[in-house]
Amino acid sequence: MKFSFGIVMIVSNLLCLSFGSSSVNSNSTEGTNSNSKKYSLPFRNKNVDYWDDETLSAYLHIDPETLEKKKGKRNSLPDAVIMFYAQWCTNCHALAPLYDKIATLINAGFEDSNRLMVLYDCERTTNSKKICSNIGVTGYPTLMYISQQTRYIDSDWLTRTLFGVKRSCGPMGCTKQSHAVKFQGDWRYGDEILDWIAIMGGISSWKKWTNGLKESWKNRRFNTKNHLYRCRLVLRF
């Protein structure tokens, strides 16, 4: 699988960050072309993951080809912050150094963080375009937080009544997946993105804890019922 020009541009942006510059120039692009050939999707570069269609689909619980929803219990995958971009998007190239800095700050991709920072090229393939369109990506860059433990609600009945369904969630539109939510703030401000990640992660952690508590309570009730049943059998004899 060939490494797309869009990802080369983003990697070059990340490299520029270490030299105190966020601009993309021809020299930095040429410097990463040779290294990019070593990688095939998905892969990780420092704290940022680069995903293919199959990996994203697994997180979204959809079939990568038919785009139909997959039924079944949600898995215990770590949370993921995904930046959807296109190779021609200048705003995406501008956001890339900041995105990389946030990923480093929260130590994304490691166990203590329990969170991934992901880049996904919506126009890498025809199928990539279909997936992005199916999940409601309407502009670039789009940031989305995905948690396997939580059901996010990005609107309410009052806002929908006052502003209509399309405008009720924010400028990026509503999120189609119940376990995902879009960033509706200004991507130019890293503090906004970082606060949003912290809040969404806090909701996810709280839901994970309460789910574990419910599961523990169910197991305890089940064990208690089994114990009482055994006691009755003993008393009969």
C-alpha atoms as a PDB file:
ATOM      1  CA  MET A   1       0.000   0.000   0.000  1.00  0.00           C
ATOM      2  CA  LYS A   2       1.546   3.323  -1.026  1.00  0.00           C
ATOM      3  CA  PHE A   3       2.040   6.094   1.467  1.00  0.00           C
ATOM      4  CA  SER A   4      -0.182   9.044   0.474  1.00  0.00           C
ATOM      5  CA  PHE A   5       1.157  12.527  -0.182  1.00  0.00           C
ATOM      6  CA  GLY A   6      -1.220  13.923   2.454  1.00  0.00           C
ATOM      7  CA  ILE A   7       0.399  11.907   5.252  1.00  0.00           C
ATOM      8  CA  VAL A   8       3.861  12.906   3.967  1.00  0.00           C
ATOM      9  CA  MET A   9       2.834  16.547   4.317  1.00  0.00           C
ATOM     10  CA  ILE A  10       1.569  15.993   7.864  1.00  0.00           C
ATOM     11  CA  VAL A  11       4.727  14.140   8.913  1.00  0.00           C
ATOM     12  CA  SER A  12       6.773  17.003   7.488  1.00  0.00           C
ATOM     13  CA  ASN A  13       4.724  19.410   9.615  1.00  0.00           C
ATOM     14  CA  LEU A  14       5.539  17.379  12.692  1.00  0.00           C
ATOM     15  CA  LEU A  15       9.224  17.473  11.841  1.00  0.00           C
ATOM     16  CA  CYS A  16       9.052  21.228  11.336  1.00  0.00           C
ATOM     17  CA  LEU A  17       7.724  21.585  14.882  1.00  0.00           C
ATOM     18  CA  SER A  18      10.997  20.366  16.378  1.00  0.00           C
ATOM     19  CA  PHE A  19      12.811  23.187  14.566  1.00  0.00           C
ATOM     20  CA  GLY A  20      10.384  25.839  15.780  1.00  0.00           C
ATOM     21  CA  SER A  21       8.462  26.166  12.519  1.00  0.00           C
ATOM     22  CA  SER A  22       5.007  24.977  11.443  1.00  0.00           C
ATOM     23  CA  SER A  23       5.328  25.832   7.760  1.00  0.00           C
ATOM     24  CA  VAL A  24       5.481  23.224   5.019  1.00  0.00           C
ATOM     25  CA  ASN A  25       8.148  23.634   2.379  1.00  0.00           C
ATOM     26  CA  SER A  26       9.547  21.532  -0.420  1.00  0.00           C
ATOM     27  CA  ASN A  27      12.746  20.672   1.458  1.00  0.00           C
ATOM     28  CA  SER A  28      10.922  19.215   4.447  1.00  0.00           C
ATOM     29  CA  THR A  29       8.663  17.196   2.162  1.00  0.00           C
ATOM     30  CA  GLU A  30      11.586  15.727   0.301  1.00  0.00           C
ATOM     31  CA  GLY A  31      13.245  14.824   3.581  1.00  0.00           C
ATOM     32  CA  THR A  32      10.317  12.637   4.618  1.00  0.00           C
ATOM     33  CA  ASN A  33       9.610  10.935   1.311  1.00  0.00           C
ATOM     34  CA  SER A  34      12.387   8.384   1.796  1.00  0.00           C
ATOM     35  CA  ASN A  35      11.255   7.542   5.340  1.00  0.00           C
ATOM     36  CA  SER A  36       7.581   7.258   4.426  1.00  0.00           C
ATOM     37  CA  LYS A  37       8.245   4.335   2.129  1.00  0.00           C
ATOM     38  CA  LYS A  38       9.192   2.252   5.164  1.00  0.00           C
ATOM     39  CA  TYR A  39       5.678   2.443   6.613  1.00  0.00           C
ATOM     40  CA  SER A  40       2.340   0.888   5.718  1.00  0.00           C
ATOM     41  CA  LEU A  41      -0.922   1.726   7.425  1.00  0.00           C
ATOM     42  CA  PRO A  42      -1.662   1.440  10.256  1.00  0.00           C
ATOM     43  CA  PHE A  43       1.468   2.583  12.096  1.00  0.00           C
ATOM     44  CA  ARG A  44       2.565   4.848  14.933  1.00  0.00           C
ATOM     45  CA  ASN A  45       5.015   7.746  14.785  1.00  0.00           C
ATOM     46  CA  LYS A  46       5.962   8.828  18.316  1.00  0.00           C
ATOM     47  CA  ASN A  47       2.605   9.566  20.003  1.00  0.00           C
ATOM     48  CA  VAL A  48       0.445   9.762  16.870  1.00  0.00           C
ATOM     49  CA  ASP A  49      -1.236   6.799  15.162  1.00  0.00           C
ATOM     50  CA  TYR A  50      -2.013   6.656  11.434  1.00  0.00           C
ATOM     51  CA  TRP A  51      -5.041   4.484  10.682  1.00  0.00           C
ATOM     52  CA  ASP A  52      -6.381   2.588   7.713  1.00  0.00           C
ATOM     53  CA  ASP A  53     -10.029   1.887   6.876  1.00  0.00           C
ATOM     54  CA  GLU A  54     -10.164  -1.410   8.792  1.00  0.00           C
ATOM     55  CA  THR A  55      -8.861   0.056  12.058  1.00  0.00           C
ATOM     56  CA  LEU A  56     -11.234   3.021  11.991  1.00  0.00           C
ATOM     57  CA  SER A  57     -14.168   0.758  11.121  1.00  0.00           C
ATOM     58  CA  ALA A  58     -13.401  -1.480  14.101  1.00  0.00           C
ATOM     59  CA  TYR A  59     -13.636   1.528  16.421  1.00  0.00           C
ATOM     60  CA  LEU A  60     -16.851   2.702  14.775  1.00  0.00           C
ATOM     61  CA  HIS A  61     -18.436  -0.798  14.800  1.00  0.00           C
ATOM     62  CA  ILE A  62     -19.120  -0.755  11.067  1.00  0.00           C
ATOM     63  CA  ASP A  63     -18.136  -3.015   8.184  1.00  0.00           C
ATOM     64  CA  PRO A  64     -15.313  -1.312   6.223  1.00  0.00           C
ATOM     65  CA  GLU A  65     -16.808  -2.381   2.887  1.00  0.00           C
ATOM     66  CA  THR A  66     -20.597  -2.301   3.297  1.00  0.00           C
ATOM     67  CA  LEU A  67     -20.547   0.363   6.060  1.00  0.00           C
ATOM     68  CA  GLU A  68     -23.301  -1.543   7.869  1.00  0.00           C
ATOM     69  CA  LYS A  69     -23.349  -1.455  11.659  1.00  0.00           C
ATOM     70  CA  LYS A  70     -21.911  -4.465  13.447  1.00  0.00           C
ATOM     71  CA  LYS A  71     -23.838  -5.843  16.394  1.00  0.00           C
ATOM     72  CA  GLY A  72     -22.289  -7.243  19.507  1.00  0.00           C
ATOM     73  CA  LYS A  73     -20.800  -6.165  22.814  1.00  0.00           C
ATOM     74  CA  ARG A  74     -18.463  -3.199  22.841  1.00  0.00           C
ATOM     75  CA  ASN A  75     -14.839  -4.061  23.385  1.00  0.00           C
ATOM     76  CA  SER A  76     -12.322  -2.636  25.841  1.00  0.00           C
ATOM     77  CA  LEU A  77     -10.296  -0.641  23.317  1.00  0.00           C
ATOM     78  CA  PRO A  78      -8.700   2.583  24.624  1.00  0.00           C
ATOM     79  CA  ASP A  79     -10.310   5.923  23.839  1.00  0.00           C
ATOM     80  CA  ALA A  80      -9.282   7.589  20.578  1.00  0.00           C
ATOM     81  CA  VAL A  81      -9.109  11.196  19.408  1.00  0.00           C
ATOM     82  CA  ILE A  82      -9.234  11.202  15.608  1.00  0.00           C
ATOM     83  CA  MET A  83      -8.335  14.041  13.286  1.00  0.00           C
ATOM     84  CA  PHE A  84     -10.022  13.592   9.916  1.00  0.00           C
ATOM     85  CA  TYR A  85      -8.170  15.443   7.178  1.00  0.00           C
ATOM     86  CA  ALA A  86      -7.605  15.723   3.445  1.00  0.00           C
ATOM     87  CA  GLN A  87      -4.259  16.117   1.717  1.00  0.00           C
ATOM     88  CA  TRP A  88      -5.250  19.423   0.091  1.00  0.00           C
ATOM     89  CA  CYS A  89      -6.487  20.977   3.358  1.00  0.00           C
ATOM     90  CA  THR A  90      -4.167  23.820   4.442  1.00  0.00           C
ATOM     91  CA  ASN A  91      -5.923  24.123   7.816  1.00  0.00           C
ATOM     92  CA  CYS A  92      -5.102  20.462   8.471  1.00  0.00           C
ATOM     93  CA  HIS A  93      -1.410  21.111   7.823  1.00  0.00           C
ATOM     94  CA  ALA A  94      -1.581  24.109  10.157  1.00  0.00           C
ATOM     95  CA  LEU A  95      -3.188  22.036  12.927  1.00  0.00           C
ATOM     96  CA  ALA A  96      -0.761  19.085  12.601  1.00  0.00           C
ATOM     97  CA  PRO A  97       2.110  20.523  14.740  1.00  0.00           C
ATOM     98  CA  LEU A  98      -0.323  21.505  17.501  1.00  0.00           C
ATOM     99  CA  TYR A  99      -2.003  18.103  17.317  1.00  0.00           C
ATOM    100  CA  ASP A 100       1.380  16.409  17.693  1.00  0.00           C
ATOM    101  CA  LYS A 101       2.253  18.610  20.667  1.00  0.00           C
ATOM    102  CA  ILE A 102      -1.017  17.677  22.418  1.00  0.00           C
ATOM    103  CA  ALA A 103      -0.382  13.978  21.717  1.00  0.00           C
ATOM    104  CA  THR A 104       3.046  14.283  23.344  1.00  0.00           C
ATOM    105  CA  LEU A 105       1.638  16.235  26.285  1.00  0.00           C
ATOM    106  CA  ILE A 106      -0.963  13.594  27.180  1.00  0.00           C
ATOM    107  CA  ASN A 107       1.458  10.747  26.319  1.00  0.00           C
ATOM    108  CA  ALA A 108      -0.982   9.293  23.792  1.00  0.00           C
ATOM    109  CA  GLY A 109      -0.536   5.697  22.722  1.00  0.00           C
ATOM    110  CA  PHE A 110       0.749   4.464  26.077  1.00  0.00           C
ATOM    111  CA  GLU A 111      -0.940   2.565  28.895  1.00  0.00           C
ATOM    112  CA  ASP A 112      -0.873   5.382  31.447  1.00  0.00           C
ATOM    113  CA  SER A 113      -2.796   7.594  29.032  1.00  0.00           C
ATOM    114  CA  ASN A 114      -5.274   4.926  27.824  1.00  0.00           C
ATOM    115  CA  ARG A 115      -5.913   7.215  24.869  1.00  0.00           C
ATOM    116  CA  LEU A 116      -4.834   7.349  21.236  1.00  0.00           C
ATOM    117  CA  MET A 117      -4.290  10.400  19.035  1.00  0.00           C
ATOM    118  CA  VAL A 118      -5.047   9.410  15.461  1.00  0.00           C
ATOM    119  CA  LEU A 119      -4.731  10.841  11.948  1.00  0.00           C
ATOM    120  CA  TYR A 120      -7.073   9.543   9.252  1.00  0.00           C
ATOM    121  CA  ASP A 121      -6.956  10.627   5.612  1.00  0.00           C
ATOM    122  CA  CYS A 122     -10.567  10.848   4.404  1.00  0.00           C
ATOM    123  CA  GLU A 123      -9.502  10.973   0.763  1.00  0.00           C
ATOM    124  CA  ARG A 124      -6.789   8.322   0.702  1.00  0.00           C
ATOM    125  CA  THR A 125      -9.064   5.877  -1.117  1.00  0.00           C
ATOM    126  CA  THR A 126     -12.591   5.843  -2.520  1.00  0.00           C
ATOM    127  CA  ASN A 127     -13.663   3.716   0.428  1.00  0.00           C
ATOM    128  CA  SER A 128     -12.120   6.236   2.846  1.00  0.00           C
ATOM    129  CA  LYS A 129     -14.352   8.932   1.352  1.00  0.00           C
ATOM    130  CA  LYS A 130     -17.400   6.718   1.819  1.00  0.00           C
ATOM    131  CA  ILE A 131     -16.547   6.001   5.463  1.00  0.00           C
ATOM    132  CA  CYS A 132     -16.060   9.692   6.289  1.00  0.00           C
ATOM    133  CA  SER A 133     -19.280  10.636   4.531  1.00  0.00           C
ATOM    134  CA  ASN A 134     -21.137   7.846   6.331  1.00  0.00           C
ATOM    135  CA  ILE A 135     -20.033   8.980   9.810  1.00  0.00           C
ATOM    136  CA  GLY A 136     -20.862  12.624   9.150  1.00  0.00           C
ATOM    137  CA  VAL A 137     -17.502  14.265   8.419  1.00  0.00           C
ATOM    138  CA  THR A 138     -18.534  17.385   6.496  1.00  0.00           C
ATOM    139  CA  GLY A 139     -15.365  19.495   6.664  1.00  0.00           C
ATOM    140  CA  TYR A 140     -11.652  19.430   7.439  1.00  0.00           C
ATOM    141  CA  PRO A 141     -10.167  19.244   9.922  1.00  0.00           C
ATOM    142  CA  THR A 142     -12.767  17.366  11.981  1.00  0.00           C
ATOM    143  CA  LEU A 143     -11.838  16.129  15.454  1.00  0.00           C
ATOM    144  CA  MET A 144     -13.806  13.271  16.983  1.00  0.00           C
ATOM    145  CA  TYR A 145     -13.560  11.581  20.377  1.00  0.00           C
ATOM    146  CA  ILE A 146     -14.494   7.886  20.488  1.00  0.00           C
ATOM    147  CA  SER A 147     -15.060   5.870  23.658  1.00  0.00           C
ATOM    148  CA  GLN A 148     -16.217   2.265  23.811  1.00  0.00           C
ATOM    149  CA  GLN A 149     -17.656   2.837  27.292  1.00  0.00           C
ATOM    150  CA  THR A 150     -19.847   5.896  26.829  1.00  0.00           C
ATOM    151  CA  ARG A 151     -22.933   7.149  25.044  1.00  0.00           C
ATOM    152  CA  TYR A 152     -22.365  10.812  24.205  1.00  0.00           C
ATOM    153  CA  ILE A 153     -25.190  13.274  23.612  1.00  0.00           C
ATOM    154  CA  ASP A 154     -24.143  16.372  21.636  1.00  0.00           C
ATOM    155  CA  SER A 155     -27.524  18.097  21.590  1.00  0.00           C
ATOM    156  CA  ASP A 156     -30.783  18.411  23.562  1.00  0.00           C
ATOM    157  CA  TRP A 157     -34.464  18.911  22.826  1.00  0.00           C
ATOM    158  CA  LEU A 158     -34.443  22.641  23.656  1.00  0.00           C
ATOM    159  CA  THR A 159     -31.513  23.437  21.363  1.00  0.00           C
ATOM    160  CA  ARG A 160     -33.011  21.339  18.587  1.00  0.00           C
ATOM    161  CA  THR A 161     -36.308  23.191  18.980  1.00  0.00           C
ATOM    162  CA  LEU A 162     -34.712  26.651  18.910  1.00  0.00           C
ATOM    163  CA  PHE A 163     -32.065  26.151  16.233  1.00  0.00           C
ATOM    164  CA  GLY A 164     -33.168  23.047  14.321  1.00  0.00           C
ATOM    165  CA  VAL A 165     -31.537  19.626  14.160  1.00  0.00           C
ATOM    166  CA  LYS A 166     -28.696  20.584  11.776  1.00  0.00           C
ATOM    167  CA  ARG A 167     -27.546  23.593  13.824  1.00  0.00           C
ATOM    168  CA  SER A 168     -28.231  22.226  17.299  1.00  0.00           C
ATOM    169  CA  CYS A 169     -24.926  20.389  17.721  1.00  0.00           C
ATOM    170  CA  GLY A 170     -22.556  23.088  16.475  1.00  0.00           C
ATOM    171  CA  PRO A 171     -20.728  24.144  13.305  1.00  0.00           C
ATOM    172  CA  MET A 172     -19.348  20.650  12.626  1.00  0.00           C
ATOM    173  CA  GLY A 173     -22.775  19.044  12.754  1.00  0.00           C
ATOM    174  CA  CYS A 174     -24.127  16.217  14.896  1.00  0.00           C
ATOM    175  CA  THR A 175     -22.263  12.958  15.447  1.00  0.00           C
ATOM    176  CA  LYS A 176     -23.959   9.884  14.012  1.00  0.00           C
ATOM    177  CA  GLN A 177     -22.286   7.363  16.335  1.00  0.00           C
ATOM    178  CA  SER A 178     -23.623   7.303  19.901  1.00  0.00           C
ATOM    179  CA  HIS A 179     -20.193   6.446  21.336  1.00  0.00           C
ATOM    180  CA  ALA A 180     -18.469   9.346  19.551  1.00  0.00           C
ATOM    181  CA  VAL A 181     -18.647  13.138  19.709  1.00  0.00           C
ATOM    182  CA  LYS A 182     -17.235  15.916  17.504  1.00  0.00           C
ATOM    183  CA  PHE A 183     -15.166  18.880  18.619  1.00  0.00           C
ATOM    184  CA  GLN A 184     -17.243  22.009  17.985  1.00  0.00           C
ATOM    185  CA  GLY A 185     -14.684  24.626  19.078  1.00  0.00           C
ATOM    186  CA  ASP A 186     -11.939  26.527  17.278  1.00  0.00           C
ATOM    187  CA  TRP A 187      -9.138  24.174  16.199  1.00  0.00           C
ATOM    188  CA  ARG A 188      -6.636  27.059  16.186  1.00  0.00           C
ATOM    189  CA  TYR A 189      -6.562  27.112  19.998  1.00  0.00           C
ATOM    190  CA  GLY A 190      -4.790  24.185  21.585  1.00  0.00           C
ATOM    191  CA  ASP A 191      -6.200  24.883  25.052  1.00  0.00           C
ATOM    192  CA  GLU A 192      -9.725  24.386  23.719  1.00  0.00           C
ATOM    193  CA  ILE A 193      -8.808  21.044  22.188  1.00  0.00           C
ATOM    194  CA  LEU A 194      -6.959  19.928  25.316  1.00  0.00           C
ATOM    195  CA  ASP A 195      -9.869  20.894  27.595  1.00  0.00           C
ATOM    196  CA  TRP A 196     -12.309  19.085  25.305  1.00  0.00           C
ATOM    197  CA  ILE A 197     -10.161  15.928  25.376  1.00  0.00           C
ATOM    198  CA  ALA A 198      -9.934  16.091  29.173  1.00  0.00           C
ATOM    199  CA  ILE A 199     -13.718  16.479  29.581  1.00  0.00           C
ATOM    200  CA  MET A 200     -14.594  13.709  27.118  1.00  0.00           C
ATOM    201  CA  GLY A 201     -11.990  11.455  28.718  1.00  0.00           C
ATOM    202  CA  GLY A 202     -13.394  12.211  32.177  1.00  0.00           C
ATOM    203  CA  ILE A 203     -16.896  11.238  31.048  1.00  0.00           C
ATOM    204  CA  SER A 204     -15.490   8.043  29.533  1.00  0.00           C
ATOM    205  CA  SER A 205     -13.579   7.134  32.716  1.00  0.00           C
ATOM    206  CA  TRP A 206     -16.643   7.787  34.886  1.00  0.00           C
ATOM    207  CA  LYS A 207     -18.814   5.612  32.649  1.00  0.00           C
ATOM    208  CA  LYS A 208     -16.193   2.855  32.653  1.00  0.00           C
ATOM    209  CA  TRP A 209     -16.099   2.926  36.460  1.00  0.00           C
ATOM    210  CA  THR A 210     -19.905   2.830  36.815  1.00  0.00           C
ATOM    211  CA  ASN A 211     -20.154   0.021  34.249  1.00  0.00           C
ATOM    212  CA  GLY A 212     -17.598  -1.947  36.239  1.00  0.00           C
ATOM    213  CA  LEU A 213     -19.560  -1.290  39.430  1.00  0.00           C
ATOM    214  CA  LYS A 214     -22.785  -2.531  37.815  1.00  0.00           C
ATOM    215  CA  GLU A 215     -21.043  -5.644  36.521  1.00  0.00           C
ATOM    216  CA  SER A 216     -19.542  -6.325  39.942  1.00  0.00           C
ATOM    217  CA  TRP A 217     -22.973  -5.921  41.559  1.00  0.00           C
ATOM    218  CA  LYS A 218     -24.560  -8.312  39.056  1.00  0.00           C
ATOM    219  CA  ASN A 219     -21.873 -10.920  39.723  1.00  0.00           C
ATOM    220  CA  ARG A 220     -22.322 -10.520  43.472  1.00  0.00           C
ATOM    221  CA  ARG A 221     -26.090 -10.975  43.183  1.00  0.00           C
ATOM    222  CA  PHE A 222     -25.585 -14.032  40.994  1.00  0.00           C
ATOM    223  CA  ASN A 223     -23.125 -15.574  43.467  1.00  0.00           C
ATOM    224  CA  THR A 224     -25.500 -14.818  46.369  1.00  0.00           C
ATOM    225  CA  LYS A 225     -28.391 -16.540  44.587  1.00  0.00           C
ATOM    226  CA  ASN A 226     -26.209 -19.603  43.885  1.00  0.00           C
ATOM    227  CA  HIS A 227     -25.135 -19.732  47.530  1.00  0.00           C
ATOM    228  CA  LEU A 228     -28.744 -19.575  48.769  1.00  0.00           C
ATOM    229  CA  TYR A 229     -29.760 -22.265  46.289  1.00  0.00           C
ATOM    230  CA  ARG A 230     -27.011 -24.570  47.544  1.00  0.00           C
ATOM    231  CA  CYS A 231     -28.025 -23.915  51.158  1.00  0.00           C
ATOM    232  CA  ARG A 232     -31.611 -24.929  50.363  1.00  0.00           C
ATOM    233  CA  LEU A 233     -30.411 -28.150  48.771  1.00  0.00           C
ATOM    234  CA  VAL A 234     -28.333 -28.948  51.855  1.00  0.00           C
ATOM    235  CA  LEU A 235     -31.266 -28.274  54.191  1.00  0.00           C
ATOM    236  CA  ARG A 236     -33.529 -30.610  52.188  1.00  0.00           C
ATOM    237  CA  PHE A 237     -31.178 -33.484  52.756  1.00  0.00           C
END
